[in-house]
Amino acid sequence: MTADTRSTSRLRNDPLVRGLGWASALLGVPQVAAPAGFARALGVGDAPRHRSATTAVGVRELAAATGLLGRPHPVWLWGRVGGDLMDLTMLARALKNHNGRGLGRTVAATAAVTAITATDVYAAVTRTRRSTPMELTAATTVTRSPEEAYTLWKDLERLPDFMAHLDEVHVTGPRTSHWQASAPFGRTVEWDAEITQDVPGQLIAWRSVGDADIDNSGEARFVPAPGGQGTEIRVSLRYELPGGPLGKAAARYFGEEPHQQLDDDLRRFKQVAEIGEVVRSEGAPGGKRARGEFPQHPARPLTEDELKEALA
């Protein structure tokens, strides 16, 4: 089975993809059948240029519907994103040159297209298998021996204690485990992993196996710090970020910067290793709700709702 065939099979029963396909069909038919009426409904008038533009948009929507419902592929989703940007450009121009009649309808149409654009970007990014290789490195020093630091890291089911985006890790065998993590846009990803190298007190390395949602591998090295002052932990991670370069940019936009995540994780590992828990202020939430606090921001007064929650 080729990659394109697998992609088509995967998307054919995807509710969001099919929903966008039917949305394109429902929008395209009236734009092609009655372009003047559709243009008037948007509040932009029914001049010949408006009818021509409406018909062209309708043809584009019907083409997207045919692709998404007949032979779904991420290219049709990205086509919708491109079309959305064109629609927003035309609506912005219409608003700029508006004569005031039907202005409310044009504003409402612009708001609706903006919301549709966000949905299309989400669908395109999360349904695109193309990926961007990421390599991350970070280090920290803890006041524990290499053996103690190694033992804490080797206890895989405790990793979510300091890795904010990990939900659960279950050990399934002497060298195997199952991981579940949160991903950008509120998604959850899972994979099975195996330990590939294990040198007590010095090194532990792992990699994903099977049909992982995100292919990844990594290693943690435990090196005595100079002067016998604890242990330097050097971590390297490699994984395939879904969605290609756009997915990487979108993840950063929504606060999911991978390098910052790893630095924060090691900072919390240091706290767990040295004092047994992650240090938080009274106003900061605990557990996985703390994700919203990372990366940390400058101090600010609590809102009224936050103050009530903290006092409760």
Protein backbone atom coordinates (compact mmCIF):
# COMPACT_ATOMS: atom_id res chain seq x y z
CA MET A 1 0.00 0.00 0.00
CA THR A 2 1.44 3.36 -1.04
CA ALA A 3 1.61 6.42 1.22
CA ASP A 4 -1.13 8.15 -0.79
CA THR A 5 -3.41 5.11 -0.49
CA ARG A 6 -2.86 4.96 3.28
CA SER A 7 -3.58 8.68 3.56
CA THR A 8 -6.83 8.34 1.58
CA SER A 9 -7.96 5.36 3.66
CA ARG A 10 -7.18 7.16 6.91
CA LEU A 11 -9.10 10.30 5.97
CA ARG A 12 -12.10 8.66 4.30
CA ASN A 13 -13.86 8.02 7.62
CA ASP A 14 -12.52 11.09 9.43
CA PRO A 15 -15.61 13.00 10.74
CA LEU A 16 -13.96 16.42 10.47
CA VAL A 17 -12.73 15.82 6.92
CA ARG A 18 -16.14 14.60 5.79
CA GLY A 19 -17.82 17.49 7.56
CA LEU A 20 -15.63 19.98 5.73
CA GLY A 21 -16.39 18.18 2.48
CA TRP A 22 -20.14 18.53 2.99
CA ALA A 23 -19.67 22.16 4.07
CA SER A 24 -17.90 22.86 0.77
CA ALA A 25 -20.76 21.22 -1.13
CA LEU A 26 -23.45 23.17 0.74
CA LEU A 27 -21.61 26.44 0.13
CA GLY A 28 -20.68 25.72 -3.47
CA VAL A 29 -24.09 24.79 -4.88
CA PRO A 30 -25.89 28.10 -4.18
CA GLN A 31 -22.86 30.14 -5.23
CA VAL A 32 -22.85 28.45 -8.65
CA ALA A 33 -26.64 28.18 -9.05
CA ALA A 34 -27.58 31.69 -7.85
CA PRO A 35 -24.44 33.85 -7.58
CA ALA A 36 -26.36 37.16 -7.57
CA GLY A 37 -28.60 36.12 -4.68
CA PHE A 38 -25.68 34.70 -2.71
CA ALA A 39 -23.67 37.91 -3.20
CA ARG A 40 -26.63 40.00 -2.02
CA ALA A 41 -26.98 37.75 1.03
CA LEU A 42 -23.38 38.62 1.93
CA GLY A 43 -24.20 42.30 1.63
CA VAL A 44 -21.68 42.93 -1.16
CA GLY A 45 -24.13 43.63 -3.99
CA ASP A 46 -24.78 41.78 -7.24
CA ALA A 47 -22.67 43.71 -9.75
CA PRO A 48 -21.19 41.58 -12.59
CA ARG A 49 -17.79 41.41 -10.88
CA HIS A 50 -19.44 40.25 -7.65
CA ARG A 51 -21.38 37.54 -9.48
CA SER A 52 -18.23 36.38 -11.28
CA ALA A 53 -16.23 36.22 -8.05
CA THR A 54 -19.06 34.35 -6.29
CA THR A 55 -19.29 31.79 -9.11
CA ALA A 56 -15.53 31.23 -9.05
CA VAL A 57 -15.59 30.67 -5.29
CA GLY A 58 -18.51 28.25 -5.73
CA VAL A 59 -16.62 26.22 -8.35
CA ARG A 60 -13.65 26.06 -6.00
CA GLU A 61 -15.86 24.87 -3.13
CA LEU A 62 -17.42 22.13 -5.29
CA ALA A 63 -13.96 20.97 -6.37
CA ALA A 64 -12.91 20.76 -2.71
CA ALA A 65 -16.10 18.86 -1.88
CA THR A 66 -15.45 16.36 -4.68
CA GLY A 67 -11.93 15.77 -3.44
CA LEU A 68 -12.69 15.54 0.29
CA LEU A 69 -15.72 13.27 -0.14
CA GLY A 70 -14.44 11.21 -3.07
CA ARG A 71 -10.70 10.82 -2.59
CA PRO A 72 -9.72 12.69 0.59
CA HIS A 73 -6.13 13.86 0.85
CA PRO A 74 -4.41 16.62 2.87
CA VAL A 75 -3.87 18.59 -0.36
CA TRP A 76 -7.62 19.31 -0.48
CA LEU A 77 -7.50 20.59 3.10
CA TRP A 78 -4.63 22.92 2.27
CA GLY A 79 -6.59 23.98 -0.81
CA ARG A 80 -9.42 25.03 1.47
CA VAL A 81 -6.98 27.03 3.60
CA GLY A 82 -5.72 28.85 0.50
CA GLY A 83 -9.28 29.51 -0.62
CA ASP A 84 -10.20 30.84 2.82
CA LEU A 85 -7.36 33.35 2.65
CA MET A 86 -8.59 34.49 -0.77
CA ASP A 87 -12.14 34.86 0.59
CA LEU A 88 -10.93 36.90 3.55
CA THR A 89 -8.98 39.16 1.20
CA MET A 90 -12.05 39.77 -0.94
CA LEU A 91 -14.27 40.37 2.08
CA ALA A 92 -11.74 42.79 3.55
CA ARG A 93 -11.74 44.70 0.28
CA ALA A 94 -15.54 44.70 0.25
CA LEU A 95 -15.61 46.08 3.80
CA LYS A 96 -13.14 48.81 2.87
CA ASN A 97 -15.22 49.93 -0.12
CA HIS A 98 -18.64 49.23 1.41
CA ASN A 99 -21.51 51.68 0.78
CA GLY A 100 -23.13 50.85 4.11
CA ARG A 101 -26.06 48.82 2.78
CA GLY A 102 -25.95 45.31 4.21
CA LEU A 103 -22.78 46.09 6.15
CA GLY A 104 -23.86 43.92 9.09
CA ARG A 105 -24.21 40.89 6.83
CA THR A 106 -20.75 41.45 5.37
CA VAL A 107 -19.23 41.76 8.85
CA ALA A 108 -21.00 38.55 9.92
CA ALA A 109 -19.76 36.76 6.78
CA THR A 110 -16.21 37.89 7.51
CA ALA A 111 -16.43 36.60 11.08
CA ALA A 112 -17.81 33.26 9.84
CA VAL A 113 -15.05 32.85 7.24
CA THR A 114 -12.46 33.66 9.91
CA ALA A 115 -13.82 30.85 12.10
CA ILE A 116 -13.90 28.47 9.13
CA THR A 117 -10.30 29.39 8.31
CA ALA A 118 -9.20 28.45 11.83
CA THR A 119 -10.99 25.09 11.50
CA ASP A 120 -9.42 24.44 8.09
CA VAL A 121 -5.92 25.28 9.36
CA TYR A 122 -6.43 22.91 12.31
CA ALA A 123 -7.65 20.11 10.02
CA ALA A 124 -4.84 20.60 7.50
CA VAL A 125 -2.07 20.70 10.12
CA THR A 126 -3.33 17.74 12.15
CA ARG A 127 -4.16 15.55 9.12
CA THR A 128 -0.89 16.11 7.28
CA ARG A 129 1.55 13.23 7.68
CA ARG A 130 4.51 15.20 6.39
CA SER A 131 6.74 15.93 9.34
CA THR A 132 9.68 18.06 10.40
CA PRO A 133 12.58 16.31 12.18
CA MET A 134 13.30 17.96 15.52
CA GLU A 135 16.47 17.52 17.56
CA LEU A 136 16.54 18.97 21.05
CA THR A 137 19.29 19.03 23.65
CA ALA A 138 19.35 20.38 27.19
CA ALA A 139 21.27 19.85 30.42
CA THR A 140 20.95 20.50 34.12
CA THR A 141 22.93 19.72 37.25
CA VAL A 142 21.40 18.11 40.33
CA THR A 143 22.90 17.59 43.78
CA ARG A 144 22.52 13.83 43.58
CA SER A 145 24.87 11.05 42.59
CA PRO A 146 24.73 9.67 39.02
CA GLU A 147 23.21 6.48 40.39
CA GLU A 148 20.42 8.34 42.20
CA ALA A 149 19.61 10.54 39.21
CA TYR A 150 19.63 7.52 36.89
CA THR A 151 17.32 5.56 39.22
CA LEU A 152 14.80 8.41 39.28
CA TRP A 153 14.79 8.72 35.48
CA LYS A 154 14.62 4.95 35.00
CA ASP A 155 11.35 4.93 36.97
CA LEU A 156 9.42 5.65 33.77
CA GLU A 157 6.02 5.88 35.40
CA ARG A 158 7.26 8.92 37.36
CA LEU A 159 8.24 10.83 34.22
CA PRO A 160 4.86 12.64 34.05
CA ASP A 161 5.68 14.13 37.47
CA PHE A 162 8.10 16.53 35.81
CA MET A 163 7.37 16.25 32.08
CA ALA A 164 4.37 18.54 31.78
CA HIS A 165 3.06 17.22 28.45
CA LEU A 166 3.22 13.55 29.41
CA ASP A 167 -0.12 12.22 30.64
CA GLU A 168 0.80 8.62 31.46
CA VAL A 169 3.59 6.10 31.07
CA HIS A 170 2.88 2.42 31.73
CA VAL A 171 5.68 -0.12 31.91
CA THR A 172 4.63 -3.14 29.84
CA GLY A 173 7.76 -5.28 30.06
CA PRO A 174 11.42 -5.34 31.17
CA ARG A 175 12.37 -2.98 28.32
CA THR A 176 9.02 -1.80 26.94
CA SER A 177 6.45 0.81 27.91
CA HIS A 178 3.38 2.66 26.58
CA TRP A 179 3.31 6.47 26.55
CA GLN A 180 0.46 8.97 26.25
CA ALA A 181 1.07 12.68 25.83
CA SER A 182 -0.72 15.93 25.04
CA ALA A 183 0.05 17.58 21.71
CA PRO A 184 -0.69 20.98 20.17
CA PHE A 185 -4.32 21.91 19.43
CA GLY A 186 -5.61 19.78 22.30
CA ARG A 187 -4.71 16.47 20.67
CA THR A 188 -3.53 13.32 22.46
CA VAL A 189 -0.83 11.09 21.00
CA GLU A 190 0.29 7.62 22.06
CA TRP A 191 3.15 5.27 21.26
CA ASP A 192 4.95 2.18 22.47
CA ALA A 193 8.62 2.53 23.32
CA GLU A 194 11.56 0.27 24.04
CA ILE A 195 14.78 0.88 25.91
CA THR A 196 17.67 0.53 23.45
CA GLN A 197 20.58 1.18 25.84
CA ASP A 198 20.73 0.85 29.58
CA VAL A 199 23.97 1.43 31.51
CA PRO A 200 23.10 1.82 35.20
CA GLY A 201 24.25 5.13 36.60
CA GLN A 202 25.45 6.36 33.19
CA LEU A 203 22.98 6.16 30.32
CA ILE A 204 19.44 5.26 29.34
CA ALA A 205 18.22 5.51 25.73
CA TRP A 206 14.84 4.75 24.19
CA ARG A 207 12.90 4.89 20.94
CA SER A 208 9.32 4.51 19.76
CA VAL A 209 8.31 1.26 18.06
CA GLY A 210 5.44 0.13 15.88
CA ASP A 211 2.86 2.52 14.43
CA ALA A 212 3.59 5.45 16.75
CA ASP A 213 1.57 8.66 16.43
CA ILE A 214 4.91 10.50 16.63
CA ASP A 215 8.18 8.70 15.87
CA ASN A 216 10.68 9.66 18.54
CA SER A 217 13.84 8.63 20.33
CA GLY A 218 16.02 10.03 23.07
CA GLU A 219 18.70 9.47 25.63
CA ALA A 220 19.69 10.76 29.05
CA ARG A 221 23.33 10.70 30.16
CA PHE A 222 24.40 11.02 33.79
CA VAL A 223 27.88 12.48 34.19
CA PRO A 224 29.60 13.33 37.50
CA ALA A 225 29.74 17.12 37.86
CA PRO A 226 33.16 18.77 38.31
CA GLY A 227 34.49 18.63 41.84
CA GLY A 228 32.06 15.91 42.83
CA GLN A 229 29.24 18.47 43.04
CA GLY A 230 26.37 16.23 42.00
CA THR A 231 25.48 15.02 38.49
CA GLU A 232 25.15 16.71 35.13
CA ILE A 233 22.21 15.31 33.17
CA ARG A 234 22.45 15.69 29.40
CA VAL A 235 19.25 14.93 27.48
CA SER A 236 18.85 14.56 23.72
CA LEU A 237 15.46 14.12 22.04
CA ARG A 238 14.66 13.44 18.40
CA TYR A 239 11.15 13.28 16.97
CA GLU A 240 9.06 13.96 13.90
CA LEU A 241 6.76 16.95 14.40
CA PRO A 242 3.50 16.41 12.43
CA GLY A 243 2.34 19.03 9.95
CA GLY A 244 5.68 20.00 8.43
CA PRO A 245 7.10 23.51 8.88
CA LEU A 246 3.61 25.03 9.16
CA GLY A 247 2.77 22.62 11.97
CA LYS A 248 5.96 23.64 13.75
CA ALA A 249 5.14 27.33 13.39
CA ALA A 250 1.55 26.79 14.51
CA ALA A 251 2.70 24.85 17.57
CA ARG A 252 4.95 27.73 18.57
CA TYR A 253 2.14 30.21 18.02
CA PHE A 254 -0.05 28.29 20.45
CA GLY A 255 2.68 28.18 23.11
CA GLU A 256 4.09 24.73 22.42
CA GLU A 257 7.75 25.67 21.88
CA PRO A 258 9.69 22.35 22.09
CA HIS A 259 13.01 23.76 23.34
CA GLN A 260 11.28 25.64 26.13
CA GLN A 261 9.33 22.50 27.05
CA LEU A 262 12.51 20.49 27.49
CA ASP A 263 14.20 23.21 29.56
CA ASP A 264 11.13 23.41 31.80
CA ASP A 265 11.01 19.62 32.16
CA LEU A 266 14.63 19.46 33.32
CA ARG A 267 14.08 22.32 35.74
CA ARG A 268 11.23 20.35 37.30
CA PHE A 269 13.32 17.14 37.29
CA LYS A 270 15.95 18.99 39.32
CA GLN A 271 13.30 19.98 41.87
CA VAL A 272 11.93 16.44 42.12
CA ALA A 273 15.44 14.98 42.46
CA GLU A 274 16.56 17.45 45.14
CA ILE A 275 13.45 18.09 47.25
CA GLY A 276 11.03 15.39 46.11
CA GLU A 277 8.40 17.53 44.36
CA VAL A 278 7.85 20.33 41.88
CA VAL A 279 7.87 23.72 43.58
CA ARG A 280 4.83 25.89 42.86
CA SER A 281 3.57 29.15 44.29
CA GLU A 282 0.25 29.26 46.15
CA GLY A 283 -1.44 30.78 43.11
CA ALA A 284 -0.21 28.15 40.64
CA PRO A 285 -2.36 25.06 39.93
CA GLY A 286 -1.02 21.57 40.51
CA GLY A 287 -0.90 18.47 38.36
CA LYS A 288 -1.53 18.63 34.63
CA ARG A 289 -3.55 21.83 35.02
CA ALA A 290 -0.15 23.46 35.52
CA ARG A 291 0.51 23.15 31.78
CA GLY A 292 -1.18 26.48 31.37
CA GLU A 293 1.51 28.03 33.53
CA PHE A 294 4.44 26.84 31.36
CA PRO A 295 6.52 28.50 30.12
CA GLN A 296 6.21 30.75 33.14
CA HIS A 297 5.28 34.41 32.72
CA PRO A 298 6.10 37.51 34.75
CA ALA A 299 4.17 37.83 37.98
CA ARG A 300 0.81 39.61 37.83
CA PRO A 301 -2.09 40.04 40.24
CA LEU A 302 -4.59 37.19 40.32
CA THR A 303 -7.89 37.78 38.58
CA GLU A 304 -11.00 37.65 40.73
CA ASP A 305 -11.81 34.10 39.54
CA GLU A 306 -8.21 32.93 40.13
CA LEU A 307 -8.25 34.42 43.62
CA LYS A 308 -11.49 32.60 44.46
CA GLU A 309 -10.02 29.32 43.16
CA ALA A 310 -6.82 29.77 45.18
CA LEU A 311 -8.72 30.56 48.38
CA ALA A 312 -10.98 27.56 47.84
